[in-house]
Amino acid sequence: MKLLTFLFLITITILNADIENGKDVYAQNCAFCHRTDMKGGMGKDFNLVSYSRRKENIVKYVTNPSKMFRKFGYSANAMPKLPLNEQEIKDVSEFIDALQPFKEWMKQ
């Protein structure tokens, strides 16, 4: 059942988001603080974000970081509100999600 749900969510997301555009959004807006090569950075590496966060939570956090930082377990907010539209946020969350095929929540 989990596999069917997972495949359904992937199909829906692919129809609504663009990974390649998300990669461009990442390069222009996120790469200053977040890396994807596990070599440090000011913000959390997006491989770790991809493994531990659900895509819908990434969207919520990017949309309103000052409201969401405590729900993500941070004691302070260093994430700025980015000038991204709704589609760009969906696309970058799709890019982040695609970095890791296996998710922490899949173990449950």
C-alpha atoms as a PDB file:
ATOM      1  CA  MET A   1       0.000   0.000   0.000  1.00  0.00           C
ATOM      2  CA  LYS A   2       2.845   2.398   0.862  1.00  0.00           C
ATOM      3  CA  LEU A   3       4.423   1.721  -2.522  1.00  0.00           C
ATOM      4  CA  LEU A   4       1.182   2.511  -4.360  1.00  0.00           C
ATOM      5  CA  THR A   5       0.762   5.721  -2.395  1.00  0.00           C
ATOM      6  CA  PHE A   6       4.368   6.668  -3.110  1.00  0.00           C
ATOM      7  CA  LEU A   7       3.988   6.023  -6.854  1.00  0.00           C
ATOM      8  CA  PHE A   8       0.733   7.983  -6.957  1.00  0.00           C
ATOM      9  CA  LEU A   9       2.345  10.972  -5.232  1.00  0.00           C
ATOM     10  CA  ILE A  10       5.298  10.875  -7.618  1.00  0.00           C
ATOM     11  CA  THR A  11       2.954  10.839 -10.626  1.00  0.00           C
ATOM     12  CA  ILE A  12       0.889  13.775  -9.344  1.00  0.00           C
ATOM     13  CA  THR A  13       3.984  15.781  -8.522  1.00  0.00           C
ATOM     14  CA  ILE A  14       5.612  15.178 -11.877  1.00  0.00           C
ATOM     15  CA  LEU A  15       2.534  16.617 -13.540  1.00  0.00           C
ATOM     16  CA  ASN A  16       2.625  19.778 -11.412  1.00  0.00           C
ATOM     17  CA  ALA A  17       6.320  20.557 -10.978  1.00  0.00           C
ATOM     18  CA  ASP A  18       9.406  20.886 -13.153  1.00  0.00           C
ATOM     19  CA  ILE A  19      12.669  19.510 -11.728  1.00  0.00           C
ATOM     20  CA  GLU A  20      14.843  21.277 -14.311  1.00  0.00           C
ATOM     21  CA  ASN A  21      13.242  24.628 -13.550  1.00  0.00           C
ATOM     22  CA  GLY A  22      13.642  23.804  -9.855  1.00  0.00           C
ATOM     23  CA  LYS A  23      17.357  23.266 -10.427  1.00  0.00           C
ATOM     24  CA  ASP A  24      17.568  26.741 -11.978  1.00  0.00           C
ATOM     25  CA  VAL A  25      15.569  28.263  -9.100  1.00  0.00           C
ATOM     26  CA  TYR A  26      17.970  26.534  -6.684  1.00  0.00           C
ATOM     27  CA  ALA A  27      21.040  27.875  -8.516  1.00  0.00           C
ATOM     28  CA  GLN A  28      19.709  31.438  -8.525  1.00  0.00           C
ATOM     29  CA  ASN A  29      18.187  31.600  -5.036  1.00  0.00           C
ATOM     30  CA  CYS A  30      19.328  28.786  -2.757  1.00  0.00           C
ATOM     31  CA  ALA A  31      22.876  27.775  -3.701  1.00  0.00           C
ATOM     32  CA  PHE A  32      24.386  30.698  -1.810  1.00  0.00           C
ATOM     33  CA  CYS A  33      23.535  28.977   1.488  1.00  0.00           C
ATOM     34  CA  HIS A  34      22.551  25.388   0.663  1.00  0.00           C
ATOM     35  CA  ARG A  35      24.821  22.878  -1.044  1.00  0.00           C
ATOM     36  CA  THR A  36      23.978  19.578  -2.714  1.00  0.00           C
ATOM     37  CA  ASP A  37      27.393  17.914  -2.409  1.00  0.00           C
ATOM     38  CA  MET A  38      27.663  17.399   1.367  1.00  0.00           C
ATOM     39  CA  LYS A  39      30.607  19.828   1.609  1.00  0.00           C
ATOM     40  CA  GLY A  40      29.182  22.286   4.108  1.00  0.00           C
ATOM     41  CA  GLY A  41      27.478  25.594   3.666  1.00  0.00           C
ATOM     42  CA  MET A  42      25.615  28.072   5.794  1.00  0.00           C
ATOM     43  CA  GLY A  43      22.300  26.220   5.468  1.00  0.00           C
ATOM     44  CA  LYS A  44      21.485  22.529   5.691  1.00  0.00           C
ATOM     45  CA  ASP A  45      22.644  20.477   2.694  1.00  0.00           C
ATOM     46  CA  PHE A  46      19.669  19.753   0.457  1.00  0.00           C
ATOM     47  CA  ASN A  47      20.539  16.031   0.362  1.00  0.00           C
ATOM     48  CA  LEU A  48      19.740  15.934   4.072  1.00  0.00           C
ATOM     49  CA  VAL A  49      16.607  18.017   3.547  1.00  0.00           C
ATOM     50  CA  SER A  50      15.528  15.651   0.771  1.00  0.00           C
ATOM     51  CA  TYR A  51      16.002  12.625   3.008  1.00  0.00           C
ATOM     52  CA  SER A  52      14.276  14.002   6.096  1.00  0.00           C
ATOM     53  CA  ARG A  53      11.543  16.381   4.859  1.00  0.00           C
ATOM     54  CA  ARG A  54       8.392  15.739   2.900  1.00  0.00           C
ATOM     55  CA  LYS A  55       7.968  17.874  -0.180  1.00  0.00           C
ATOM     56  CA  GLU A  56       4.825  19.582   1.115  1.00  0.00           C
ATOM     57  CA  ASN A  57       6.760  20.671   4.224  1.00  0.00           C
ATOM     58  CA  ILE A  58       9.535  22.106   2.076  1.00  0.00           C
ATOM     59  CA  VAL A  59       6.908  24.146   0.224  1.00  0.00           C
ATOM     60  CA  LYS A  60       5.460  25.420   3.516  1.00  0.00           C
ATOM     61  CA  TYR A  61       8.890  26.353   4.861  1.00  0.00           C
ATOM     62  CA  VAL A  62      10.021  28.182   1.721  1.00  0.00           C
ATOM     63  CA  THR A  63       6.681  29.992   1.529  1.00  0.00           C
ATOM     64  CA  ASN A  64       6.843  31.286   5.107  1.00  0.00           C
ATOM     65  CA  PRO A  65      10.153  30.513   6.858  1.00  0.00           C
ATOM     66  CA  SER A  66       9.628  32.907   9.759  1.00  0.00           C
ATOM     67  CA  LYS A  67       6.459  31.041  10.724  1.00  0.00           C
ATOM     68  CA  MET A  68       7.720  27.500  10.129  1.00  0.00           C
ATOM     69  CA  PHE A  69      11.242  27.407  11.593  1.00  0.00           C
ATOM     70  CA  ARG A  70      10.174  26.078  15.013  1.00  0.00           C
ATOM     71  CA  LYS A  71       8.142  23.283  13.399  1.00  0.00           C
ATOM     72  CA  PHE A  72      11.332  22.257  11.618  1.00  0.00           C
ATOM     73  CA  GLY A  73      13.192  22.057  14.929  1.00  0.00           C
ATOM     74  CA  TYR A  74      15.255  25.243  14.627  1.00  0.00           C
ATOM     75  CA  SER A  75      15.630  27.643  17.558  1.00  0.00           C
ATOM     76  CA  ALA A  76      16.046  30.673  15.285  1.00  0.00           C
ATOM     77  CA  ASN A  77      15.254  31.533  11.690  1.00  0.00           C
ATOM     78  CA  ALA A  78      18.092  32.330   9.307  1.00  0.00           C
ATOM     79  CA  MET A  79      16.105  31.589   6.155  1.00  0.00           C
ATOM     80  CA  PRO A  80      15.009  34.711   4.288  1.00  0.00           C
ATOM     81  CA  LYS A  81      11.661  35.079   2.581  1.00  0.00           C
ATOM     82  CA  LEU A  82      12.576  34.521  -1.059  1.00  0.00           C
ATOM     83  CA  PRO A  83      10.914  36.368  -3.959  1.00  0.00           C
ATOM     84  CA  LEU A  84       9.584  33.166  -5.529  1.00  0.00           C
ATOM     85  CA  ASN A  85       6.163  32.597  -7.002  1.00  0.00           C
ATOM     86  CA  GLU A  86       4.078  29.524  -6.198  1.00  0.00           C
ATOM     87  CA  GLN A  87       5.270  27.559  -9.253  1.00  0.00           C
ATOM     88  CA  GLU A  88       8.940  28.285  -8.535  1.00  0.00           C
ATOM     89  CA  ILE A  89       8.465  27.060  -4.960  1.00  0.00           C
ATOM     90  CA  LYS A  90       6.847  23.843  -6.232  1.00  0.00           C
ATOM     91  CA  ASP A  91       9.645  23.385  -8.753  1.00  0.00           C
ATOM     92  CA  VAL A  92      12.481  23.906  -6.280  1.00  0.00           C
ATOM     93  CA  SER A  93      10.808  21.582  -3.774  1.00  0.00           C
ATOM     94  CA  GLU A  94      10.573  18.979  -6.553  1.00  0.00           C
ATOM     95  CA  PHE A  95      14.285  19.441  -7.296  1.00  0.00           C
ATOM     96  CA  ILE A  96      15.166  19.062  -3.602  1.00  0.00           C
ATOM     97  CA  ASP A  97      12.926  16.008  -3.262  1.00  0.00           C
ATOM     98  CA  ALA A  98      14.555  14.368  -6.287  1.00  0.00           C
ATOM     99  CA  LEU A  99      18.037  14.504  -4.731  1.00  0.00           C
ATOM    100  CA  GLN A 100      17.392  11.458  -2.549  1.00  0.00           C
ATOM    101  CA  PRO A 101      15.276   8.546  -3.809  1.00  0.00           C
ATOM    102  CA  PHE A 102      14.931   7.056  -0.318  1.00  0.00           C
ATOM    103  CA  LYS A 103      13.254   8.976   2.472  1.00  0.00           C
ATOM    104  CA  GLU A 104      13.422   8.696   6.228  1.00  0.00           C
ATOM    105  CA  TRP A 105       9.636   8.402   6.369  1.00  0.00           C
ATOM    106  CA  MET A 106       9.719   5.383   4.031  1.00  0.00           C
ATOM    107  CA  LYS A 107      11.285   3.297   6.824  1.00  0.00           C
ATOM    108  CA  GLN A 108       8.110   3.502   8.904  1.00  0.00           C
END
